[in-house]
Amino acid sequence: ALSSAVQLFAGGATYSDTEAGMIRRVDSAFVGAAVPISARLRLQIVADHEVRRTSYTRDGIGLGLHWRFGP
């Protein structure tokens, strides 16, 4: 069964990425929460922030619904 408690999580990274043939440095961070709805169903929301140096900044939000299959 899924956890019956609300779970909070966060993370971050700095890495190199290739964009349009150029290597750029990327700084990225995210935070989120997973909220149990039932023993098999969980709602998850994640917000992220990404900075591509000398390029652009991106913010996003993801919403997910997780269903556990099986007994």
N, C-alpha and C. Protein backbone atom coordinates (compact mmCIF):
# COMPACT_ATOMS: atom_id res chain seq x y z
N ALA A 1 0.84 -1.19 0.00
CA ALA A 1 0.00 0.00 0.00
C ALA A 1 0.88 1.25 0.00
N LEU A 2 0.35 2.32 -0.53
CA LEU A 2 1.06 3.59 -0.52
C LEU A 2 1.12 4.13 0.90
N SER A 3 2.05 5.04 1.13
CA SER A 3 2.17 5.66 2.45
C SER A 3 0.88 6.40 2.79
N SER A 4 0.48 6.37 4.06
CA SER A 4 -0.74 7.06 4.47
C SER A 4 -0.46 8.47 4.96
N ALA A 5 0.81 8.89 4.91
CA ALA A 5 1.19 10.23 5.37
C ALA A 5 1.48 11.14 4.16
N VAL A 6 1.31 12.42 4.35
CA VAL A 6 1.70 13.39 3.33
C VAL A 6 3.22 13.39 3.25
N GLN A 7 3.76 13.33 2.04
CA GLN A 7 5.20 13.30 1.85
C GLN A 7 5.63 14.59 1.14
N LEU A 8 6.68 15.22 1.65
CA LEU A 8 7.25 16.42 1.04
C LEU A 8 8.64 16.06 0.51
N PHE A 9 9.02 16.64 -0.62
CA PHE A 9 10.33 16.36 -1.19
C PHE A 9 10.85 17.58 -1.93
N ALA A 10 12.17 17.63 -2.10
CA ALA A 10 12.83 18.73 -2.78
C ALA A 10 14.17 18.25 -3.32
N GLY A 11 14.67 18.96 -4.30
CA GLY A 11 15.97 18.61 -4.86
C GLY A 11 16.49 19.71 -5.76
N GLY A 12 17.72 19.55 -6.16
CA GLY A 12 18.33 20.53 -7.04
C GLY A 12 19.56 19.96 -7.70
N ALA A 13 19.99 20.61 -8.77
CA ALA A 13 21.17 20.15 -9.49
C ALA A 13 21.75 21.29 -10.32
N THR A 14 23.01 21.17 -10.62
CA THR A 14 23.69 22.02 -11.59
C THR A 14 24.40 21.09 -12.56
N TYR A 15 24.18 21.29 -13.85
CA TYR A 15 24.76 20.39 -14.84
C TYR A 15 24.91 21.11 -16.18
N SER A 16 25.63 20.50 -17.10
CA SER A 16 25.80 21.04 -18.44
C SER A 16 24.82 20.37 -19.38
N ASP A 17 24.26 21.13 -20.32
CA ASP A 17 23.30 20.61 -21.28
C ASP A 17 23.59 21.22 -22.65
N THR A 18 23.29 20.47 -23.69
CA THR A 18 23.48 20.98 -25.04
C THR A 18 22.16 21.50 -25.57
N GLU A 19 22.17 22.75 -26.01
CA GLU A 19 20.98 23.39 -26.56
C GLU A 19 21.38 24.08 -27.86
N ALA A 20 20.75 23.68 -28.96
CA ALA A 20 21.04 24.26 -30.28
C ALA A 20 22.54 24.21 -30.60
N GLY A 21 23.18 23.11 -30.25
CA GLY A 21 24.58 22.92 -30.56
C GLY A 21 25.55 23.62 -29.62
N MET A 22 25.04 24.29 -28.59
CA MET A 22 25.90 24.98 -27.63
C MET A 22 25.75 24.33 -26.25
N ILE A 23 26.86 24.20 -25.55
CA ILE A 23 26.81 23.66 -24.19
C ILE A 23 26.54 24.80 -23.23
N ARG A 24 25.50 24.65 -22.42
CA ARG A 24 25.12 25.68 -21.45
C ARG A 24 25.04 25.06 -20.06
N ARG A 25 25.31 25.87 -19.07
CA ARG A 25 25.20 25.46 -17.67
C ARG A 25 23.75 25.63 -17.23
N VAL A 26 23.21 24.65 -16.54
CA VAL A 26 21.82 24.67 -16.08
C VAL A 26 21.79 24.53 -14.56
N ASP A 27 21.04 25.41 -13.90
CA ASP A 27 20.77 25.31 -12.47
C ASP A 27 19.30 24.97 -12.33
N SER A 28 18.98 23.95 -11.57
CA SER A 28 17.60 23.46 -11.49
C SER A 28 17.24 23.12 -10.05
N ALA A 29 15.98 23.38 -9.68
CA ALA A 29 15.49 23.04 -8.34
C ALA A 29 14.01 22.67 -8.42
N PHE A 30 13.57 21.82 -7.50
CA PHE A 30 12.16 21.45 -7.46
C PHE A 30 11.71 21.21 -6.03
N VAL A 31 10.43 21.37 -5.79
CA VAL A 31 9.79 21.04 -4.50
C VAL A 31 8.45 20.39 -4.82
N GLY A 32 7.99 19.53 -3.94
CA GLY A 32 6.72 18.87 -4.21
C GLY A 32 6.13 18.23 -2.97
N ALA A 33 4.91 17.75 -3.16
CA ALA A 33 4.19 17.06 -2.10
C ALA A 33 3.36 15.94 -2.71
N ALA A 34 3.25 14.84 -1.98
CA ALA A 34 2.41 13.72 -2.36
C ALA A 34 1.38 13.52 -1.26
N VAL A 35 0.11 13.57 -1.63
CA VAL A 35 -0.99 13.50 -0.66
C VAL A 35 -1.79 12.22 -0.92
N PRO A 36 -1.88 11.33 0.07
CA PRO A 36 -2.66 10.11 -0.12
C PRO A 36 -4.16 10.43 -0.13
N ILE A 37 -4.85 9.82 -1.08
CA ILE A 37 -6.30 9.96 -1.18
C ILE A 37 -6.97 8.69 -0.65
N SER A 38 -6.35 7.54 -0.93
CA SER A 38 -6.81 6.25 -0.42
C SER A 38 -5.59 5.33 -0.33
N ALA A 39 -5.81 4.04 -0.02
CA ALA A 39 -4.70 3.09 0.08
C ALA A 39 -4.03 2.85 -1.27
N ARG A 40 -4.72 3.14 -2.37
CA ARG A 40 -4.18 2.91 -3.71
C ARG A 40 -4.00 4.16 -4.56
N LEU A 41 -4.51 5.28 -4.11
CA LEU A 41 -4.53 6.49 -4.91
C LEU A 41 -3.78 7.62 -4.21
N ARG A 42 -2.93 8.32 -4.96
CA ARG A 42 -2.13 9.41 -4.39
C ARG A 42 -2.10 10.56 -5.40
N LEU A 43 -2.24 11.79 -4.90
CA LEU A 43 -2.14 13.00 -5.70
C LEU A 43 -0.78 13.63 -5.44
N GLN A 44 -0.09 14.01 -6.50
CA GLN A 44 1.25 14.58 -6.35
C GLN A 44 1.34 15.88 -7.13
N ILE A 45 1.94 16.90 -6.54
CA ILE A 45 2.18 18.17 -7.20
C ILE A 45 3.64 18.55 -7.03
N VAL A 46 4.24 19.04 -8.12
CA VAL A 46 5.66 19.40 -8.12
C VAL A 46 5.82 20.74 -8.83
N ALA A 47 6.59 21.63 -8.24
CA ALA A 47 6.94 22.91 -8.87
C ALA A 47 8.45 22.90 -9.13
N ASP A 48 8.85 23.37 -10.32
CA ASP A 48 10.27 23.38 -10.63
C ASP A 48 10.69 24.72 -11.23
N HIS A 49 11.98 25.02 -11.08
CA HIS A 49 12.58 26.26 -11.58
C HIS A 49 13.91 25.89 -12.23
N GLU A 50 14.13 26.37 -13.45
CA GLU A 50 15.34 26.04 -14.19
C GLU A 50 15.92 27.31 -14.80
N VAL A 51 17.21 27.51 -14.63
CA VAL A 51 17.91 28.66 -15.21
C VAL A 51 18.99 28.13 -16.13
N ARG A 52 18.86 28.43 -17.41
CA ARG A 52 19.91 28.09 -18.38
C ARG A 52 20.73 29.36 -18.58
N ARG A 53 21.93 29.34 -18.08
CA ARG A 53 22.78 30.54 -18.11
C ARG A 53 22.97 31.00 -19.54
N THR A 54 22.91 32.29 -19.76
CA THR A 54 23.00 32.96 -21.06
C THR A 54 21.91 32.52 -22.03
N SER A 55 20.79 32.01 -21.52
CA SER A 55 19.71 31.59 -22.40
C SER A 55 18.36 32.01 -21.81
N TYR A 56 17.69 31.14 -21.09
CA TYR A 56 16.35 31.46 -20.58
C TYR A 56 16.12 30.85 -19.20
N THR A 57 15.03 31.27 -18.57
CA THR A 57 14.59 30.73 -17.28
C THR A 57 13.23 30.08 -17.50
N ARG A 58 13.02 28.93 -16.88
CA ARG A 58 11.76 28.21 -17.06
C ARG A 58 11.20 27.83 -15.70
N ASP A 59 9.91 28.02 -15.51
CA ASP A 59 9.20 27.58 -14.31
C ASP A 59 8.09 26.64 -14.75
N GLY A 60 7.83 25.62 -13.93
CA GLY A 60 6.78 24.67 -14.29
C GLY A 60 6.10 24.10 -13.06
N ILE A 61 4.91 23.57 -13.30
CA ILE A 61 4.15 22.88 -12.26
C ILE A 61 3.62 21.60 -12.88
N GLY A 62 3.79 20.50 -12.16
CA GLY A 62 3.28 19.21 -12.61
C GLY A 62 2.29 18.65 -11.60
N LEU A 63 1.23 18.07 -12.09
CA LEU A 63 0.21 17.47 -11.25
C LEU A 63 0.04 16.03 -11.70
N GLY A 64 0.12 15.10 -10.76
CA GLY A 64 0.01 13.69 -11.10
C GLY A 64 -0.94 12.96 -10.19
N LEU A 65 -1.57 11.95 -10.74
CA LEU A 65 -2.45 11.07 -9.99
C LEU A 65 -1.89 9.67 -10.14
N HIS A 66 -1.49 9.06 -9.02
CA HIS A 66 -0.84 7.75 -9.03
C HIS A 66 -1.80 6.68 -8.52
N TRP A 67 -1.93 5.61 -9.28
CA TRP A 67 -2.79 4.49 -8.91
C TRP A 67 -1.90 3.27 -8.74
N ARG A 68 -2.02 2.58 -7.62
CA ARG A 68 -1.25 1.37 -7.36
C ARG A 68 -2.06 0.18 -7.84
N PHE A 69 -1.52 -0.60 -8.78
CA PHE A 69 -2.16 -1.81 -9.29
C PHE A 69 -1.78 -3.01 -8.44
N GLY A 70 -2.54 -4.06 -8.51
CA GLY A 70 -2.23 -5.29 -7.80
C GLY A 70 -2.91 -5.37 -6.45
N PRO A 71 -2.65 -6.48 -5.74
CA PRO A 71 -3.31 -6.69 -4.43
C PRO A 71 -2.80 -5.76 -3.35
